[in-house]
Amino acid sequence: MDFIPCLLAGVLTGFFVVSIFKPPTRQVPAIPTPGDSGSFTTKSGCVKIKAEPVPCSSSAVSLNVLVNDR
């Protein structure tokens, strides 16, 4: 029965470590693909993006990403 105190100490240490350190988050180094609707972590916080394909035009900005206010 000497393993019970060690097990309890391990569990408590695990809870302590998890409560202090922030778990790793999803960081995507690429732009979202059409149909992607996940959350992305940026330096200033989380962003939820709904990517949808749009036709290219002469006023398209870099990487053919258009901002459409609806």
PDB file of N, CA and C in Angstrom:
ATOM      1  N   MET A   1       0.815  -1.202   0.000  1.00  0.00           N
ATOM      2  CA  MET A   1       0.000   0.000   0.000  1.00  0.00           C
ATOM      3  C   MET A   1       0.856   1.263   0.000  1.00  0.00           C
ATOM      4  N   ASP A   2       2.128   1.143  -0.365  1.00  0.00           N
ATOM      5  CA  ASP A   2       2.994   2.315  -0.415  1.00  0.00           C
ATOM      6  C   ASP A   2       2.807   3.107  -1.707  1.00  0.00           C
ATOM      7  N   PHE A   3       2.115   2.550  -2.674  1.00  0.00           N
ATOM      8  CA  PHE A   3       1.949   3.244  -3.948  1.00  0.00           C
ATOM      9  C   PHE A   3       0.820   4.265  -3.910  1.00  0.00           C
ATOM     10  N   ILE A   4      -0.101   4.176  -2.957  1.00  0.00           N
ATOM     11  CA  ILE A   4      -1.240   5.100  -2.896  1.00  0.00           C
ATOM     12  C   ILE A   4      -0.785   6.541  -2.628  1.00  0.00           C
ATOM     13  N   PRO A   5       0.118   6.794  -1.675  1.00  0.00           N
ATOM     14  CA  PRO A   5       0.577   8.184  -1.508  1.00  0.00           C
ATOM     15  C   PRO A   5       1.302   8.716  -2.745  1.00  0.00           C
ATOM     16  N   CYS A   6       2.072   7.872  -3.411  1.00  0.00           N
ATOM     17  CA  CYS A   6       2.765   8.306  -4.629  1.00  0.00           C
ATOM     18  C   CYS A   6       1.762   8.592  -5.744  1.00  0.00           C
ATOM     19  N   LEU A   7       0.735   7.768  -5.863  1.00  0.00           N
ATOM     20  CA  LEU A   7      -0.299   7.977  -6.872  1.00  0.00           C
ATOM     21  C   LEU A   7      -1.051   9.280  -6.602  1.00  0.00           C
ATOM     22  N   LEU A   8      -1.405   9.511  -5.354  1.00  0.00           N
ATOM     23  CA  LEU A   8      -2.100  10.737  -4.981  1.00  0.00           C
ATOM     24  C   LEU A   8      -1.220  11.961  -5.252  1.00  0.00           C
ATOM     25  N   ALA A   9       0.052  11.870  -4.921  1.00  0.00           N
ATOM     26  CA  ALA A   9       0.978  12.979  -5.182  1.00  0.00           C
ATOM     27  C   ALA A   9       1.105  13.230  -6.687  1.00  0.00           C
ATOM     28  N   GLY A  10       1.133  12.177  -7.480  1.00  0.00           N
ATOM     29  CA  GLY A  10       1.213  12.333  -8.930  1.00  0.00           C
ATOM     30  C   GLY A  10      -0.026  12.984  -9.507  1.00  0.00           C
ATOM     31  N   VAL A  11      -1.189  12.582  -9.026  1.00  0.00           N
ATOM     32  CA  VAL A  11      -2.446  13.167  -9.508  1.00  0.00           C
ATOM     33  C   VAL A  11      -2.517  14.645  -9.137  1.00  0.00           C
ATOM     34  N   LEU A  12      -2.171  14.975  -7.904  1.00  0.00           N
ATOM     35  CA  LEU A  12      -2.198  16.374  -7.477  1.00  0.00           C
ATOM     36  C   LEU A  12      -1.186  17.218  -8.250  1.00  0.00           C
ATOM     37  N   THR A  13      -0.021  16.659  -8.505  1.00  0.00           N
ATOM     38  CA  THR A  13       0.982  17.371  -9.296  1.00  0.00           C
ATOM     39  C   THR A  13       0.479  17.591 -10.721  1.00  0.00           C
ATOM     40  N   GLY A  14      -0.186  16.602 -11.285  1.00  0.00           N
ATOM     41  CA  GLY A  14      -0.752  16.742 -12.625  1.00  0.00           C
ATOM     42  C   GLY A  14      -1.799  17.840 -12.694  1.00  0.00           C
ATOM     43  N   PHE A  15      -2.694  17.893 -11.705  1.00  0.00           N
ATOM     44  CA  PHE A  15      -3.696  18.957 -11.668  1.00  0.00           C
ATOM     45  C   PHE A  15      -3.035  20.327 -11.536  1.00  0.00           C
ATOM     46  N   PHE A  16      -1.988  20.402 -10.745  1.00  0.00           N
ATOM     47  CA  PHE A  16      -1.266  21.661 -10.559  1.00  0.00           C
ATOM     48  C   PHE A  16      -0.630  22.125 -11.867  1.00  0.00           C
ATOM     49  N   VAL A  17       0.025  21.219 -12.551  1.00  0.00           N
ATOM     50  CA  VAL A  17       0.689  21.568 -13.807  1.00  0.00           C
ATOM     51  C   VAL A  17      -0.332  21.990 -14.860  1.00  0.00           C
ATOM     52  N   VAL A  18      -1.434  21.280 -14.956  1.00  0.00           N
ATOM     53  CA  VAL A  18      -2.460  21.599 -15.954  1.00  0.00           C
ATOM     54  C   VAL A  18      -3.117  22.940 -15.647  1.00  0.00           C
ATOM     55  N   SER A  19      -3.297  23.262 -14.372  1.00  0.00           N
ATOM     56  CA  SER A  19      -3.952  24.522 -14.028  1.00  0.00           C
ATOM     57  C   SER A  19      -3.057  25.729 -14.256  1.00  0.00           C
ATOM     58  N   ILE A  20      -1.750  25.541 -14.280  1.00  0.00           N
ATOM     59  CA  ILE A  20      -0.829  26.670 -14.460  1.00  0.00           C
ATOM     60  C   ILE A  20      -0.506  26.902 -15.926  1.00  0.00           C
ATOM     61  N   PHE A  21      -0.128  25.863 -16.633  1.00  0.00           N
ATOM     62  CA  PHE A  21       0.320  26.016 -18.009  1.00  0.00           C
ATOM     63  C   PHE A  21      -0.854  25.971 -18.970  1.00  0.00           C
ATOM     64  N   LYS A  22      -0.853  26.898 -19.904  1.00  0.00           N
ATOM     65  CA  LYS A  22      -1.897  26.934 -20.927  1.00  0.00           C
ATOM     66  C   LYS A  22      -1.608  25.832 -21.937  1.00  0.00           C
ATOM     67  N   PRO A  23      -2.595  25.022 -22.288  1.00  0.00           N
ATOM     68  CA  PRO A  23      -2.353  23.960 -23.268  1.00  0.00           C
ATOM     69  C   PRO A  23      -2.058  24.548 -24.645  1.00  0.00           C
ATOM     70  N   PRO A  24      -1.357  23.824 -25.481  1.00  0.00           N
ATOM     71  CA  PRO A  24      -1.050  24.345 -26.818  1.00  0.00           C
ATOM     72  C   PRO A  24      -2.317  24.552 -27.636  1.00  0.00           C
ATOM     73  N   THR A  25      -2.327  25.590 -28.448  1.00  0.00           N
ATOM     74  CA  THR A  25      -3.487  25.903 -29.272  1.00  0.00           C
ATOM     75  C   THR A  25      -3.150  25.681 -30.739  1.00  0.00           C
ATOM     76  N   ARG A  26      -4.182  25.631 -31.538  1.00  0.00           N
ATOM     77  CA  ARG A  26      -4.006  25.405 -32.974  1.00  0.00           C
ATOM     78  C   ARG A  26      -3.499  26.690 -33.618  1.00  0.00           C
ATOM     79  N   GLN A  27      -2.335  26.615 -34.213  1.00  0.00           N
ATOM     80  CA  GLN A  27      -1.789  27.760 -34.924  1.00  0.00           C
ATOM     81  C   GLN A  27      -1.574  27.348 -36.371  1.00  0.00           C
ATOM     82  N   VAL A  28      -2.238  28.042 -37.252  1.00  0.00           N
ATOM     83  CA  VAL A  28      -2.197  27.690 -38.664  1.00  0.00           C
ATOM     84  C   VAL A  28      -1.375  28.736 -39.411  1.00  0.00           C
ATOM     85  N   PRO A  29      -0.264  28.343 -40.049  1.00  0.00           N
ATOM     86  CA  PRO A  29       0.556  29.310 -40.769  1.00  0.00           C
ATOM     87  C   PRO A  29       0.075  29.583 -42.190  1.00  0.00           C
ATOM     88  N   ALA A  30      -1.140  29.190 -42.535  1.00  0.00           N
ATOM     89  CA  ALA A  30      -1.652  29.373 -43.891  1.00  0.00           C
ATOM     90  C   ALA A  30      -3.047  29.974 -43.824  1.00  0.00           C
ATOM     91  N   ILE A  31      -3.491  30.522 -44.939  1.00  0.00           N
ATOM     92  CA  ILE A  31      -4.841  31.070 -44.983  1.00  0.00           C
ATOM     93  C   ILE A  31      -5.848  29.924 -45.005  1.00  0.00           C
ATOM     94  N   PRO A  32      -7.070  30.141 -44.531  1.00  0.00           N
ATOM     95  CA  PRO A  32      -8.083  29.084 -44.539  1.00  0.00           C
ATOM     96  C   PRO A  32      -8.459  28.684 -45.960  1.00  0.00           C
ATOM     97  N   THR A  33      -8.814  27.437 -46.130  1.00  0.00           N
ATOM     98  CA  THR A  33      -9.261  26.945 -47.422  1.00  0.00           C
ATOM     99  C   THR A  33     -10.777  27.069 -47.513  1.00  0.00           C
ATOM    100  N   PRO A  34     -11.356  27.080 -48.708  1.00  0.00           N
ATOM    101  CA  PRO A  34     -12.812  27.162 -48.821  1.00  0.00           C
ATOM    102  C   PRO A  34     -13.489  26.021 -48.063  1.00  0.00           C
ATOM    103  N   GLY A  35     -14.486  26.368 -47.297  1.00  0.00           N
ATOM    104  CA  GLY A  35     -15.202  25.380 -46.506  1.00  0.00           C
ATOM    105  C   GLY A  35     -14.663  25.225 -45.104  1.00  0.00           C
ATOM    106  N   ASP A  36     -13.531  25.843 -44.785  1.00  0.00           N
ATOM    107  CA  ASP A  36     -12.960  25.751 -43.447  1.00  0.00           C
ATOM    108  C   ASP A  36     -13.676  26.738 -42.539  1.00  0.00           C
ATOM    109  N   SER A  37     -14.129  26.276 -41.395  1.00  0.00           N
ATOM    110  CA  SER A  37     -14.837  27.163 -40.474  1.00  0.00           C
ATOM    111  C   SER A  37     -14.335  26.985 -39.050  1.00  0.00           C
ATOM    112  N   GLY A  38     -13.070  26.677 -38.899  1.00  0.00           N
ATOM    113  CA  GLY A  38     -12.520  26.463 -37.572  1.00  0.00           C
ATOM    114  C   GLY A  38     -12.063  27.745 -36.913  1.00  0.00           C
ATOM    115  N   SER A  39     -11.638  27.626 -35.662  1.00  0.00           N
ATOM    116  CA  SER A  39     -11.085  28.753 -34.928  1.00  0.00           C
ATOM    117  C   SER A  39      -9.576  28.760 -35.092  1.00  0.00           C
ATOM    118  N   PHE A  40      -9.021  29.936 -35.241  1.00  0.00           N
ATOM    119  CA  PHE A  40      -7.591  30.094 -35.415  1.00  0.00           C
ATOM    120  C   PHE A  40      -7.060  31.017 -34.333  1.00  0.00           C
ATOM    121  N   THR A  41      -5.895  30.712 -33.816  1.00  0.00           N
ATOM    122  CA  THR A  41      -5.279  31.518 -32.774  1.00  0.00           C
ATOM    123  C   THR A  41      -4.299  32.494 -33.403  1.00  0.00           C
ATOM    124  N   THR A  42      -4.459  33.755 -33.055  1.00  0.00           N
ATOM    125  CA  THR A  42      -3.531  34.785 -33.506  1.00  0.00           C
ATOM    126  C   THR A  42      -2.828  35.359 -32.289  1.00  0.00           C
ATOM    127  N   LYS A  43      -1.914  36.291 -32.504  1.00  0.00           N
ATOM    128  CA  LYS A  43      -1.206  36.892 -31.371  1.00  0.00           C
ATOM    129  C   LYS A  43      -2.133  37.725 -30.498  1.00  0.00           C
ATOM    130  N   SER A  44      -3.210  38.255 -31.062  1.00  0.00           N
ATOM    131  CA  SER A  44      -4.120  39.106 -30.298  1.00  0.00           C
ATOM    132  C   SER A  44      -5.353  38.366 -29.786  1.00  0.00           C
ATOM    133  N   GLY A  45      -5.505  37.082 -30.090  1.00  0.00           N
ATOM    134  CA  GLY A  45      -6.648  36.316 -29.608  1.00  0.00           C
ATOM    135  C   GLY A  45      -7.094  35.288 -30.625  1.00  0.00           C
ATOM    136  N   CYS A  46      -8.298  34.765 -30.434  1.00  0.00           N
ATOM    137  CA  CYS A  46      -8.839  33.748 -31.332  1.00  0.00           C
ATOM    138  C   CYS A  46      -9.738  34.395 -32.383  1.00  0.00           C
ATOM    139  N   VAL A  47      -9.726  33.820 -33.569  1.00  0.00           N
ATOM    140  CA  VAL A  47     -10.535  34.316 -34.677  1.00  0.00           C
ATOM    141  C   VAL A  47     -11.273  33.138 -35.280  1.00  0.00           C
ATOM    142  N   LYS A  48     -12.578  33.291 -35.493  1.00  0.00           N
ATOM    143  CA  LYS A  48     -13.354  32.267 -36.178  1.00  0.00           C
ATOM    144  C   LYS A  48     -13.607  32.768 -37.591  1.00  0.00           C
ATOM    145  N   ILE A  49     -13.236  31.959 -38.547  1.00  0.00           N
ATOM    146  CA  ILE A  49     -13.298  32.360 -39.946  1.00  0.00           C
ATOM    147  C   ILE A  49     -14.232  31.434 -40.705  1.00  0.00           C
ATOM    148  N   LYS A  50     -15.079  32.035 -41.522  1.00  0.00           N
ATOM    149  CA  LYS A  50     -15.890  31.249 -42.447  1.00  0.00           C
ATOM    150  C   LYS A  50     -15.350  31.548 -43.836  1.00  0.00           C
ATOM    151  N   ALA A  51     -14.594  30.620 -44.374  1.00  0.00           N
ATOM    152  CA  ALA A  51     -13.986  30.817 -45.693  1.00  0.00           C
ATOM    153  C   ALA A  51     -14.963  30.387 -46.772  1.00  0.00           C
ATOM    154  N   GLU A  52     -15.059  31.196 -47.802  1.00  0.00           N
ATOM    155  CA  GLU A  52     -15.905  30.844 -48.935  1.00  0.00           C
ATOM    156  C   GLU A  52     -15.228  31.318 -50.216  1.00  0.00           C
ATOM    157  N   PRO A  53     -15.359  30.561 -51.289  1.00  0.00           N
ATOM    158  CA  PRO A  53     -14.731  30.967 -52.544  1.00  0.00           C
ATOM    159  C   PRO A  53     -15.454  32.179 -53.139  1.00  0.00           C
ATOM    160  N   VAL A  54     -14.679  33.094 -53.667  1.00  0.00           N
ATOM    161  CA  VAL A  54     -15.237  34.280 -54.320  1.00  0.00           C
ATOM    162  C   VAL A  54     -14.581  34.436 -55.683  1.00  0.00           C
ATOM    163  N   PRO A  55     -15.283  35.014 -56.641  1.00  0.00           N
ATOM    164  CA  PRO A  55     -14.677  35.212 -57.956  1.00  0.00           C
ATOM    165  C   PRO A  55     -13.606  36.301 -57.897  1.00  0.00           C
ATOM    166  N   CYS A  56     -12.570  36.134 -58.680  1.00  0.00           N
ATOM    167  CA  CYS A  56     -11.502  37.129 -58.749  1.00  0.00           C
ATOM    168  C   CYS A  56     -11.962  38.294 -59.614  1.00  0.00           C
ATOM    169  N   SER A  57     -11.544  39.478 -59.233  1.00  0.00           N
ATOM    170  CA  SER A  57     -11.866  40.664 -60.020  1.00  0.00           C
ATOM    171  C   SER A  57     -10.625  41.545 -60.098  1.00  0.00           C
ATOM    172  N   SER A  58     -10.750  42.659 -60.789  1.00  0.00           N
ATOM    173  CA  SER A  58      -9.597  43.551 -60.923  1.00  0.00           C
ATOM    174  C   SER A  58      -9.274  44.254 -59.616  1.00  0.00           C
ATOM    175  N   SER A  59     -10.222  44.291 -58.674  1.00  0.00           N
ATOM    176  CA  SER A  59      -9.982  44.959 -57.394  1.00  0.00           C
ATOM    177  C   SER A  59      -9.588  43.975 -56.299  1.00  0.00           C
ATOM    178  N   ALA A  60      -9.210  42.760 -56.677  1.00  0.00           N
ATOM    179  CA  ALA A  60      -8.837  41.756 -55.680  1.00  0.00           C
ATOM    180  C   ALA A  60      -7.549  42.176 -54.977  1.00  0.00           C
ATOM    181  N   VAL A  61      -7.504  41.938 -53.681  1.00  0.00           N
ATOM    182  CA  VAL A  61      -6.306  42.262 -52.911  1.00  0.00           C
ATOM    183  C   VAL A  61      -5.369  41.065 -52.915  1.00  0.00           C
ATOM    184  N   SER A  62      -4.295  41.152 -52.188  1.00  0.00           N
ATOM    185  CA  SER A  62      -3.279  40.111 -52.140  1.00  0.00           C
ATOM    186  C   SER A  62      -3.887  38.741 -51.864  1.00  0.00           C
ATOM    187  N   LEU A  63      -3.402  37.730 -52.542  1.00  0.00           N
ATOM    188  CA  LEU A  63      -3.827  36.334 -52.415  1.00  0.00           C
ATOM    189  C   LEU A  63      -5.292  36.124 -52.774  1.00  0.00           C
ATOM    190  N   ASN A  64      -5.875  37.061 -53.539  1.00  0.00           N
ATOM    191  CA  ASN A  64      -7.280  36.971 -53.963  1.00  0.00           C
ATOM    192  C   ASN A  64      -8.242  36.872 -52.787  1.00  0.00           C
ATOM    193  N   VAL A  65      -7.900  37.497 -51.684  1.00  0.00           N
ATOM    194  CA  VAL A  65      -8.777  37.499 -50.514  1.00  0.00           C
ATOM    195  C   VAL A  65      -9.596  38.781 -50.569  1.00  0.00           C
ATOM    196  N   LEU A  66     -10.892  38.644 -50.598  1.00  0.00           N
ATOM    197  CA  LEU A  66     -11.784  39.794 -50.659  1.00  0.00           C
ATOM    198  C   LEU A  66     -12.558  39.911 -49.362  1.00  0.00           C
ATOM    199  N   VAL A  67     -12.726  41.116 -48.904  1.00  0.00           N
ATOM    200  CA  VAL A  67     -13.528  41.362 -47.712  1.00  0.00           C
ATOM    201  C   VAL A  67     -14.898  41.811 -48.191  1.00  0.00           C
ATOM    202  N   ASN A  68     -15.916  41.083 -47.777  1.00  0.00           N
ATOM    203  CA  ASN A  68     -17.265  41.358 -48.247  1.00  0.00           C
ATOM    204  C   ASN A  68     -18.132  41.692 -47.045  1.00  0.00           C
ATOM    205  N   ASP A  69     -18.542  42.947 -46.903  1.00  0.00           N
ATOM    206  CA  ASP A  69     -19.429  43.347 -45.807  1.00  0.00           C
ATOM    207  C   ASP A  69     -20.863  43.058 -46.210  1.00  0.00           C
ATOM    208  N   ARG A  70     -21.485  42.208 -45.427  1.00  0.00           N
ATOM    209  CA  ARG A  70     -22.879  41.860 -45.721  1.00  0.00           C
ATOM    210  C   ARG A  70     -23.761  42.373 -44.638  1.00  0.00           C
TER     211      ARG A  70
END
